[in-house]
N, C-alpha and C. Protein backbone atom coordinates (compact mmCIF):
# COMPACT_ATOMS: atom_id res chain seq x y z
N MET A 1 109.45 85.13 72.09
CA MET A 1 110.18 85.58 73.25
C MET A 1 111.66 85.57 72.94
N ASP A 2 112.33 86.64 73.29
CA ASP A 2 113.78 86.73 73.11
C ASP A 2 114.43 86.28 74.41
N THR A 3 115.13 85.19 74.37
CA THR A 3 115.80 84.69 75.58
C THR A 3 117.30 84.79 75.47
N MET A 4 117.80 85.41 74.44
CA MET A 4 119.21 85.69 74.18
C MET A 4 119.95 84.45 73.70
N ALA A 5 120.73 83.78 74.54
CA ALA A 5 121.55 82.65 74.09
C ALA A 5 120.67 81.57 73.46
N ALA A 6 121.09 81.07 72.32
CA ALA A 6 120.29 80.10 71.57
C ALA A 6 120.35 78.69 72.16
N THR A 7 121.49 78.32 72.69
CA THR A 7 121.62 76.97 73.25
C THR A 7 122.17 77.06 74.66
N PRO A 8 121.71 76.18 75.53
CA PRO A 8 122.23 76.22 76.90
C PRO A 8 123.70 75.83 76.95
N THR A 9 124.42 76.47 77.85
CA THR A 9 125.80 76.08 78.08
C THR A 9 125.82 75.21 79.33
N PRO A 10 126.78 74.31 79.41
CA PRO A 10 126.86 73.49 80.62
C PRO A 10 126.95 74.40 81.85
N GLN A 11 126.32 74.00 82.91
CA GLN A 11 126.29 74.85 84.09
C GLN A 11 126.91 74.13 85.28
N GLU A 12 128.00 74.66 85.75
CA GLU A 12 128.68 74.15 86.93
C GLU A 12 128.88 75.32 87.88
N VAL A 13 128.91 75.04 89.18
CA VAL A 13 129.23 76.09 90.12
C VAL A 13 130.61 76.63 89.76
N GLY A 14 130.73 77.95 89.69
CA GLY A 14 131.97 78.60 89.27
C GLY A 14 131.94 79.08 87.83
N CYS A 15 130.95 78.62 87.05
CA CYS A 15 130.85 79.06 85.66
C CYS A 15 130.08 80.38 85.59
N ILE A 16 130.12 80.99 84.43
CA ILE A 16 129.35 82.20 84.17
C ILE A 16 127.99 81.75 83.62
N VAL A 17 126.91 82.17 84.27
CA VAL A 17 125.58 81.79 83.79
C VAL A 17 125.15 82.75 82.69
N ASP A 18 124.29 82.24 81.83
CA ASP A 18 123.78 83.03 80.71
C ASP A 18 122.91 84.18 81.18
N ASP A 19 123.02 85.30 80.50
CA ASP A 19 122.06 86.39 80.67
C ASP A 19 120.78 85.93 79.99
N PHE A 20 119.69 86.60 80.27
CA PHE A 20 118.43 86.29 79.60
C PHE A 20 117.61 87.56 79.49
N ARG A 21 116.62 87.51 78.62
CA ARG A 21 115.66 88.60 78.46
C ARG A 21 114.28 87.98 78.52
N LEU A 22 113.48 88.47 79.46
CA LEU A 22 112.12 87.96 79.65
C LEU A 22 111.16 89.11 79.90
N PRO A 23 109.88 88.91 79.57
CA PRO A 23 108.90 89.94 79.91
C PRO A 23 108.55 89.88 81.39
N GLY A 24 108.35 91.04 81.96
CA GLY A 24 107.87 91.12 83.33
C GLY A 24 106.36 91.16 83.35
N ILE A 25 105.81 91.18 84.53
CA ILE A 25 104.37 91.31 84.70
C ILE A 25 103.90 92.64 84.11
N ASP A 26 104.80 93.61 84.08
CA ASP A 26 104.49 94.93 83.52
C ASP A 26 104.46 94.93 82.00
N GLY A 27 104.82 93.79 81.36
CA GLY A 27 104.83 93.71 79.91
C GLY A 27 106.13 94.16 79.29
N GLU A 28 107.00 94.80 80.05
CA GLU A 28 108.30 95.27 79.56
C GLU A 28 109.30 94.12 79.56
N GLN A 29 110.28 94.20 78.66
CA GLN A 29 111.35 93.21 78.61
C GLN A 29 112.43 93.58 79.63
N HIS A 30 112.96 92.58 80.32
CA HIS A 30 113.99 92.78 81.33
C HIS A 30 115.10 91.77 81.11
N THR A 31 116.33 92.17 81.44
CA THR A 31 117.45 91.23 81.38
C THR A 31 118.00 91.02 82.78
N LEU A 32 118.66 89.92 82.97
CA LEU A 32 119.34 89.66 84.24
C LEU A 32 120.35 90.76 84.50
N ASN A 33 121.14 91.10 83.48
CA ASN A 33 122.16 92.14 83.66
C ASN A 33 121.55 93.47 84.11
N SER A 34 120.37 93.83 83.60
CA SER A 34 119.77 95.11 83.99
C SER A 34 119.41 95.14 85.47
N TYR A 35 118.98 94.03 86.02
CA TYR A 35 118.66 93.98 87.45
C TYR A 35 119.93 94.06 88.30
N MET A 36 121.03 93.57 87.76
CA MET A 36 122.26 93.50 88.54
C MET A 36 123.09 94.78 88.48
N GLU A 37 122.72 95.70 87.62
CA GLU A 37 123.48 96.93 87.45
C GLU A 37 123.70 97.64 88.79
N GLY A 38 124.97 97.90 89.12
CA GLY A 38 125.30 98.60 90.36
C GLY A 38 125.23 97.75 91.62
N ARG A 39 125.06 96.46 91.46
CA ARG A 39 124.95 95.56 92.62
C ARG A 39 126.11 94.58 92.64
N LYS A 40 126.29 93.93 93.78
CA LYS A 40 127.36 92.94 93.92
C LYS A 40 126.98 91.59 93.33
N GLY A 41 125.69 91.40 93.08
CA GLY A 41 125.24 90.13 92.53
C GLY A 41 123.73 90.03 92.55
N ALA A 42 123.24 88.79 92.47
CA ALA A 42 121.80 88.58 92.43
C ALA A 42 121.46 87.17 92.90
N VAL A 43 120.21 87.04 93.28
CA VAL A 43 119.61 85.72 93.51
C VAL A 43 118.52 85.58 92.46
N VAL A 44 118.65 84.56 91.64
CA VAL A 44 117.64 84.23 90.65
C VAL A 44 116.82 83.09 91.25
N LEU A 45 115.52 83.29 91.33
CA LEU A 45 114.61 82.36 91.98
C LEU A 45 113.61 81.82 90.97
N PHE A 46 113.61 80.52 90.77
CA PHE A 46 112.55 79.91 89.96
C PHE A 46 111.39 79.68 90.90
N TRP A 47 110.25 80.27 90.55
CA TRP A 47 109.12 80.46 91.46
C TRP A 47 107.82 80.08 90.77
N SER A 48 106.83 79.72 91.57
CA SER A 48 105.50 79.43 91.03
C SER A 48 104.44 79.97 91.98
N GLY A 49 103.40 80.54 91.41
CA GLY A 49 102.29 81.06 92.21
C GLY A 49 101.43 79.98 92.82
N VAL A 50 101.48 78.77 92.30
CA VAL A 50 100.65 77.69 92.84
C VAL A 50 101.44 76.69 93.67
N CYS A 51 102.73 76.88 93.78
CA CYS A 51 103.57 75.94 94.52
C CYS A 51 103.47 76.24 96.02
N ALA A 52 103.01 75.25 96.79
CA ALA A 52 102.88 75.41 98.24
C ALA A 52 104.24 75.66 98.90
N HIS A 53 105.29 75.15 98.31
CA HIS A 53 106.62 75.38 98.87
C HIS A 53 107.03 76.84 98.69
N CYS A 54 106.67 77.46 97.58
CA CYS A 54 107.00 78.86 97.34
C CYS A 54 106.25 79.78 98.30
N VAL A 55 105.01 79.46 98.59
CA VAL A 55 104.20 80.28 99.50
C VAL A 55 104.90 80.46 100.83
N ARG A 56 105.53 79.41 101.29
CA ARG A 56 106.19 79.42 102.58
C ARG A 56 107.26 80.50 102.67
N TYR A 57 107.82 80.93 101.54
CA TYR A 57 108.91 81.90 101.54
C TYR A 57 108.47 83.32 101.22
N ASP A 58 107.17 83.59 101.15
CA ASP A 58 106.70 84.93 100.80
C ASP A 58 107.32 86.02 101.68
N GLY A 59 107.31 85.83 102.98
CA GLY A 59 107.86 86.83 103.90
C GLY A 59 109.34 87.07 103.66
N PHE A 60 110.09 86.01 103.56
CA PHE A 60 111.54 86.10 103.30
C PHE A 60 111.80 86.84 102.00
N LEU A 61 111.05 86.50 100.95
CA LEU A 61 111.27 87.12 99.65
C LEU A 61 110.87 88.59 99.65
N ASN A 62 109.77 88.93 100.34
CA ASN A 62 109.36 90.34 100.41
C ASN A 62 110.35 91.19 101.22
N GLU A 63 111.05 90.58 102.17
CA GLU A 63 112.03 91.31 102.99
C GLU A 63 113.43 91.30 102.38
N PHE A 64 113.60 90.58 101.29
CA PHE A 64 114.93 90.36 100.73
C PHE A 64 115.63 91.67 100.39
N ALA A 65 114.98 92.57 99.68
CA ALA A 65 115.62 93.82 99.24
C ALA A 65 116.09 94.65 100.43
N ALA A 66 115.33 94.68 101.51
CA ALA A 66 115.73 95.44 102.70
C ALA A 66 116.90 94.77 103.41
N ARG A 67 116.91 93.45 103.43
CA ARG A 67 117.98 92.71 104.12
C ARG A 67 119.27 92.67 103.32
N TYR A 68 119.13 92.62 101.99
CA TYR A 68 120.29 92.47 101.11
C TYR A 68 120.26 93.51 99.99
N PRO A 69 120.46 94.78 100.32
CA PRO A 69 120.37 95.82 99.29
C PRO A 69 121.44 95.73 98.20
N ASP A 70 122.52 95.01 98.47
CA ASP A 70 123.59 94.86 97.47
C ASP A 70 123.30 93.75 96.47
N LEU A 71 122.18 93.03 96.65
CA LEU A 71 121.82 91.93 95.75
C LEU A 71 120.46 92.17 95.12
N ALA A 72 120.33 91.83 93.87
CA ALA A 72 119.03 91.85 93.22
C ALA A 72 118.35 90.51 93.49
N LEU A 73 117.04 90.51 93.53
CA LEU A 73 116.25 89.29 93.60
C LEU A 73 115.33 89.30 92.40
N ILE A 74 115.40 88.25 91.59
CA ILE A 74 114.58 88.15 90.40
C ILE A 74 113.85 86.83 90.44
N GLY A 75 112.53 86.89 90.47
CA GLY A 75 111.72 85.68 90.39
C GLY A 75 111.43 85.36 88.93
N ILE A 76 111.44 84.08 88.61
CA ILE A 76 111.12 83.64 87.25
C ILE A 76 110.00 82.62 87.35
N ALA A 77 108.86 82.95 86.77
CA ALA A 77 107.69 82.06 86.75
C ALA A 77 107.77 81.21 85.49
N SER A 78 108.16 79.95 85.66
CA SER A 78 108.37 79.04 84.53
C SER A 78 107.39 77.89 84.49
N ARG A 79 106.56 77.76 85.50
CA ARG A 79 105.72 76.57 85.60
C ARG A 79 104.71 76.52 84.46
N THR A 80 104.63 75.38 83.83
CA THR A 80 103.71 75.17 82.73
C THR A 80 102.28 75.45 83.19
N ALA A 81 101.52 76.10 82.36
CA ALA A 81 100.09 76.38 82.55
C ALA A 81 99.80 77.55 83.49
N GLU A 82 100.80 78.20 84.06
CA GLU A 82 100.54 79.40 84.85
C GLU A 82 100.50 80.59 83.89
N THR A 83 99.39 81.26 83.85
CA THR A 83 99.22 82.37 82.92
C THR A 83 99.69 83.69 83.57
N PRO A 84 99.99 84.68 82.75
CA PRO A 84 100.32 85.99 83.30
C PRO A 84 99.21 86.54 84.20
N ASP A 85 97.95 86.32 83.83
CA ASP A 85 96.85 86.79 84.67
C ASP A 85 96.86 86.11 86.03
N HIS A 86 97.13 84.81 86.04
CA HIS A 86 97.20 84.08 87.31
C HIS A 86 98.34 84.61 88.16
N ILE A 87 99.48 84.87 87.54
CA ILE A 87 100.64 85.39 88.27
C ILE A 87 100.31 86.77 88.85
N ARG A 88 99.69 87.64 88.06
CA ARG A 88 99.30 88.97 88.55
C ARG A 88 98.36 88.86 89.74
N LYS A 89 97.38 87.97 89.64
CA LYS A 89 96.42 87.78 90.74
C LYS A 89 97.14 87.28 92.00
N THR A 90 98.05 86.35 91.83
CA THR A 90 98.81 85.82 92.97
C THR A 90 99.64 86.92 93.62
N ILE A 91 100.30 87.73 92.81
CA ILE A 91 101.11 88.83 93.34
C ILE A 91 100.24 89.78 94.16
N ALA A 92 99.06 90.12 93.65
CA ALA A 92 98.16 91.03 94.36
C ALA A 92 97.64 90.40 95.65
N GLU A 93 97.18 89.16 95.58
CA GLU A 93 96.61 88.49 96.76
C GLU A 93 97.64 88.30 97.86
N ARG A 94 98.85 87.94 97.49
CA ARG A 94 99.89 87.66 98.49
C ARG A 94 100.78 88.86 98.77
N LYS A 95 100.47 89.98 98.12
CA LYS A 95 101.20 91.24 98.31
C LYS A 95 102.71 91.05 98.11
N LEU A 96 103.06 90.39 97.04
CA LEU A 96 104.47 90.16 96.72
C LEU A 96 105.06 91.41 96.10
N ASP A 97 106.28 91.76 96.50
CA ASP A 97 106.85 93.00 95.98
C ASP A 97 108.26 92.82 95.42
N PHE A 98 108.56 91.64 94.93
CA PHE A 98 109.82 91.42 94.22
C PHE A 98 109.49 91.17 92.75
N PRO A 99 110.42 91.49 91.85
CA PRO A 99 110.11 91.33 90.43
C PRO A 99 109.95 89.87 90.04
N ILE A 100 108.94 89.61 89.23
CA ILE A 100 108.70 88.26 88.70
C ILE A 100 108.60 88.37 87.19
N LEU A 101 109.43 87.60 86.51
CA LEU A 101 109.46 87.58 85.06
C LEU A 101 108.77 86.32 84.56
N LEU A 102 108.24 86.38 83.35
CA LEU A 102 107.47 85.27 82.78
C LEU A 102 108.32 84.47 81.80
N ASP A 103 108.47 83.20 82.09
CA ASP A 103 109.28 82.30 81.27
C ASP A 103 108.37 81.33 80.53
N ALA A 104 107.65 81.84 79.53
CA ALA A 104 106.74 81.01 78.75
C ALA A 104 107.51 79.87 78.10
N GLY A 105 106.97 78.68 78.21
CA GLY A 105 107.62 77.52 77.62
C GLY A 105 108.79 77.00 78.45
N SER A 106 109.02 77.57 79.60
CA SER A 106 110.08 77.14 80.53
C SER A 106 111.47 77.16 79.87
N VAL A 107 111.67 78.08 78.95
CA VAL A 107 112.93 78.14 78.20
C VAL A 107 114.12 78.38 79.13
N ILE A 108 113.99 79.37 80.01
CA ILE A 108 115.11 79.69 80.92
C ILE A 108 115.26 78.59 81.97
N ALA A 109 114.17 78.05 82.45
CA ALA A 109 114.25 76.95 83.42
C ALA A 109 115.04 75.79 82.83
N LYS A 110 114.77 75.46 81.59
CA LYS A 110 115.51 74.37 80.93
C LYS A 110 116.98 74.75 80.76
N ARG A 111 117.23 75.98 80.36
CA ARG A 111 118.62 76.42 80.15
C ARG A 111 119.39 76.41 81.46
N TRP A 112 118.70 76.69 82.56
CA TRP A 112 119.36 76.72 83.87
C TRP A 112 119.18 75.38 84.61
N TYR A 113 118.76 74.36 83.89
CA TYR A 113 118.65 72.99 84.43
C TYR A 113 117.81 72.95 85.70
N THR A 114 116.64 73.58 85.62
CA THR A 114 115.75 73.68 86.77
C THR A 114 114.47 72.93 86.47
N GLN A 115 114.08 72.05 87.37
CA GLN A 115 112.89 71.23 87.17
C GLN A 115 111.80 71.47 88.20
N GLN A 116 112.11 72.21 89.27
CA GLN A 116 111.08 72.44 90.27
C GLN A 116 111.24 73.82 90.89
N THR A 117 110.18 74.23 91.58
CA THR A 117 110.17 75.50 92.30
C THR A 117 109.97 75.21 93.78
N PRO A 118 110.56 75.98 94.66
CA PRO A 118 111.54 77.03 94.41
C PRO A 118 112.94 76.45 94.23
N ARG A 119 113.74 77.12 93.44
CA ARG A 119 115.16 76.80 93.26
C ARG A 119 115.87 78.12 93.07
N VAL A 120 116.96 78.33 93.80
CA VAL A 120 117.66 79.61 93.77
C VAL A 120 119.08 79.46 93.24
N PHE A 121 119.56 80.55 92.67
CA PHE A 121 120.92 80.65 92.14
C PHE A 121 121.50 81.96 92.66
N LEU A 122 122.60 81.89 93.39
CA LEU A 122 123.32 83.07 93.84
C LEU A 122 124.48 83.29 92.88
N ILE A 123 124.52 84.49 92.31
CA ILE A 123 125.58 84.82 91.35
C ILE A 123 126.22 86.15 91.74
N ASP A 124 127.48 86.33 91.36
CA ASP A 124 128.15 87.60 91.62
C ASP A 124 127.91 88.57 90.47
N ALA A 125 128.51 89.73 90.54
CA ALA A 125 128.28 90.79 89.54
C ALA A 125 128.73 90.40 88.14
N LYS A 126 129.62 89.42 88.03
CA LYS A 126 130.07 88.94 86.72
C LYS A 126 129.23 87.75 86.24
N ARG A 127 128.20 87.41 86.99
CA ARG A 127 127.29 86.29 86.74
C ARG A 127 127.97 84.93 86.99
N THR A 128 128.96 84.92 87.87
CA THR A 128 129.59 83.66 88.28
C THR A 128 128.66 82.96 89.25
N LEU A 129 128.35 81.70 88.98
CA LEU A 129 127.47 80.93 89.85
C LEU A 129 128.22 80.53 91.12
N LEU A 130 127.69 80.98 92.26
CA LEU A 130 128.32 80.72 93.56
C LEU A 130 127.59 79.65 94.35
N TYR A 131 126.25 79.60 94.20
CA TYR A 131 125.43 78.64 94.94
C TYR A 131 124.19 78.36 94.12
N ARG A 132 123.71 77.12 94.17
CA ARG A 132 122.41 76.80 93.58
C ARG A 132 121.76 75.70 94.42
N GLY A 133 120.44 75.78 94.48
CA GLY A 133 119.70 74.75 95.21
C GLY A 133 118.54 75.30 95.99
N ALA A 134 118.35 74.74 97.16
CA ALA A 134 117.22 75.08 98.03
C ALA A 134 117.51 76.34 98.84
N ILE A 135 116.46 77.02 99.24
CA ILE A 135 116.58 78.18 100.12
C ILE A 135 117.03 77.72 101.50
N ASP A 136 116.42 76.66 101.97
CA ASP A 136 116.78 76.06 103.26
C ASP A 136 116.40 74.59 103.24
N ASN A 137 116.46 73.95 104.37
CA ASN A 137 116.14 72.52 104.44
C ASN A 137 114.66 72.27 104.76
N PHE A 138 113.84 73.25 104.49
CA PHE A 138 112.39 73.20 104.67
C PHE A 138 111.99 72.96 106.13
N LYS A 139 112.82 73.45 107.02
CA LYS A 139 112.48 73.52 108.43
C LYS A 139 112.26 75.00 108.73
N TYR A 140 111.36 75.29 109.67
CA TYR A 140 111.11 76.69 110.00
C TYR A 140 112.28 77.25 110.80
N PRO A 141 112.54 78.57 110.67
CA PRO A 141 113.70 79.17 111.34
C PRO A 141 113.79 78.90 112.84
N GLY A 142 112.71 78.72 113.54
CA GLY A 142 112.76 78.43 114.98
C GLY A 142 113.13 76.99 115.30
N ASP A 143 113.09 76.13 114.32
CA ASP A 143 113.41 74.71 114.52
C ASP A 143 114.92 74.56 114.72
N PRO A 144 115.36 73.82 115.73
CA PRO A 144 116.80 73.66 115.95
C PRO A 144 117.53 72.98 114.78
N GLU A 145 116.82 72.28 113.92
CA GLU A 145 117.44 71.62 112.78
C GLU A 145 117.41 72.48 111.51
N HIS A 146 116.88 73.72 111.61
CA HIS A 146 116.80 74.60 110.45
C HIS A 146 118.19 74.90 109.91
N ALA A 147 118.36 74.77 108.60
CA ALA A 147 119.61 75.12 107.93
C ALA A 147 119.29 76.07 106.79
N ALA A 148 119.71 77.32 106.93
CA ALA A 148 119.42 78.36 105.95
C ALA A 148 120.53 78.38 104.90
N TYR A 149 120.42 77.51 103.91
CA TYR A 149 121.47 77.36 102.90
C TYR A 149 121.76 78.65 102.13
N LEU A 150 120.71 79.27 101.62
CA LEU A 150 120.91 80.47 100.81
C LEU A 150 121.48 81.61 101.65
N GLU A 151 120.92 81.83 102.83
CA GLU A 151 121.41 82.94 103.67
C GLU A 151 122.87 82.72 104.08
N ALA A 152 123.26 81.50 104.35
CA ALA A 152 124.66 81.21 104.69
C ALA A 152 125.56 81.53 103.50
N ALA A 153 125.13 81.14 102.30
CA ALA A 153 125.92 81.42 101.10
C ALA A 153 126.03 82.93 100.86
N ILE A 154 124.93 83.64 101.06
CA ILE A 154 124.94 85.10 100.90
C ILE A 154 125.89 85.74 101.91
N ALA A 155 125.81 85.32 103.16
CA ALA A 155 126.68 85.89 104.21
C ALA A 155 128.15 85.68 103.87
N GLU A 156 128.50 84.49 103.42
CA GLU A 156 129.89 84.23 103.05
C GLU A 156 130.30 85.09 101.85
N PHE A 157 129.46 85.14 100.84
CA PHE A 157 129.76 85.92 99.64
C PHE A 157 129.93 87.40 99.98
N LEU A 158 128.96 87.99 100.67
CA LEU A 158 129.03 89.41 101.00
C LEU A 158 130.16 89.70 101.99
N GLY A 159 130.55 88.69 102.78
CA GLY A 159 131.66 88.84 103.71
C GLY A 159 133.02 88.64 103.07
N GLY A 160 133.04 88.42 101.75
CA GLY A 160 134.29 88.27 101.04
C GLY A 160 134.92 86.89 101.17
N LYS A 161 134.15 85.92 101.63
CA LYS A 161 134.66 84.56 101.80
C LYS A 161 134.13 83.67 100.69
N PRO A 162 134.83 82.60 100.38
CA PRO A 162 134.28 81.63 99.41
C PRO A 162 133.04 80.96 100.00
N VAL A 163 132.09 80.67 99.15
CA VAL A 163 130.88 79.98 99.59
C VAL A 163 131.27 78.53 99.88
N SER A 164 131.03 78.09 101.11
CA SER A 164 131.48 76.75 101.51
C SER A 164 130.53 75.65 101.03
N ARG A 165 129.25 75.91 101.06
CA ARG A 165 128.28 74.92 100.57
C ARG A 165 127.73 75.46 99.26
N LYS A 166 128.22 74.95 98.17
CA LYS A 166 127.93 75.52 96.86
C LYS A 166 126.65 74.99 96.22
N GLU A 167 126.16 73.89 96.73
CA GLU A 167 124.99 73.29 96.09
C GLU A 167 124.23 72.44 97.10
N THR A 168 122.90 72.49 96.99
CA THR A 168 122.03 71.60 97.77
C THR A 168 120.95 71.08 96.83
N ALA A 169 120.38 69.98 97.20
CA ALA A 169 119.27 69.44 96.41
C ALA A 169 118.05 70.34 96.59
N SER A 170 117.35 70.58 95.50
CA SER A 170 116.11 71.35 95.55
C SER A 170 114.95 70.38 95.74
N PHE A 171 113.86 70.92 96.21
CA PHE A 171 112.63 70.16 96.36
C PHE A 171 111.50 71.12 96.08
N GLY A 172 110.35 70.61 95.74
CA GLY A 172 109.23 71.50 95.51
C GLY A 172 108.31 70.98 94.44
N CYS A 173 107.67 71.89 93.74
CA CYS A 173 106.67 71.56 92.74
C CYS A 173 107.31 71.51 91.34
N ALA A 174 106.87 70.57 90.56
CA ALA A 174 107.41 70.39 89.21
C ALA A 174 107.06 71.58 88.32
N ILE A 175 108.04 72.03 87.55
CA ILE A 175 107.79 73.07 86.56
C ILE A 175 107.02 72.47 85.39
N TYR A 176 107.39 71.26 85.03
CA TYR A 176 106.68 70.57 83.96
C TYR A 176 106.58 69.09 84.31
N THR A 177 105.43 68.52 84.05
CA THR A 177 105.22 67.09 84.19
C THR A 177 104.20 66.67 83.14
N VAL A 178 104.26 65.43 82.73
CA VAL A 178 103.30 64.95 81.73
C VAL A 178 101.88 65.03 82.26
N TYR A 179 101.71 65.03 83.56
CA TYR A 179 100.36 65.12 84.14
C TYR A 179 99.68 66.43 83.80
N TYR A 180 100.47 67.49 83.50
CA TYR A 180 99.87 68.76 83.10
C TYR A 180 99.19 68.65 81.75
N ASP A 181 99.58 67.66 80.94
CA ASP A 181 99.05 67.50 79.60
C ASP A 181 97.86 66.55 79.51
N ILE A 182 97.59 65.82 80.57
CA ILE A 182 96.48 64.87 80.54
C ILE A 182 95.16 65.63 80.63
N PRO A 183 94.23 65.33 79.74
CA PRO A 183 92.94 66.04 79.80
C PRO A 183 92.22 65.71 81.10
N LEU A 184 91.44 66.68 81.58
CA LEU A 184 90.70 66.46 82.82
C LEU A 184 89.72 65.31 82.71
N LYS A 185 89.11 65.18 81.54
CA LYS A 185 88.14 64.11 81.31
C LYS A 185 88.80 63.05 80.45
N LEU A 186 88.95 61.85 80.95
CA LEU A 186 89.59 60.79 80.18
C LEU A 186 88.57 59.90 79.52
C-alpha cells in the first residue's frame, strides 16, 4: 500500500496534515488531495463498520454532502480485522453513500494519532488542521445537553471565523487492541 509520507509528522491543531493514498472500496487508489479538489476543505472520518458508535451517525454522514457541499467527507476504515468484503457488505446493508477508503494495517490511523472510531478531523483546503475529536458529545440532537462539536466547528470555519473549540476527546471502538489477536479457543 502506498501511503505517501514515510514517517508521521507531529500533529497539532493548526499544522498541515499529511496527504495519503489509499484504496477505495472500488479498488482504485485515492488521495486526500483528490477529494478536496475545488472544495474549501474536508472532514476525514476514522470509521468502522462494526463500531456501534459509528452506526449512530449513519444518517448524519449520508446527509453530509447535501448539507456541506463545500466540504469533502472521507471515511477511513482502519479497524484491525475488518476486511474489504465486510466493509462492502456494511455499506450495502446500511445504504452508506460517502466514500470509504481502506487503511490496511492502520497505517494512516497511526500517522494521524487515532486509536478509536469514530474520530473526525476538519481541515481547510491547504490541509490545515482546524478541529479534531468527537462528532458530538454522544447525546441525541433532541437532548437539551447535546453538543454538536463538529457542526459548530464547520459553521465557524465556513462562516470565516476561527474555530473556537479546536479539540474534543474522542470515544468509541478501538481500532486495534491486543484482544483482536487472542485466539478464540484458548
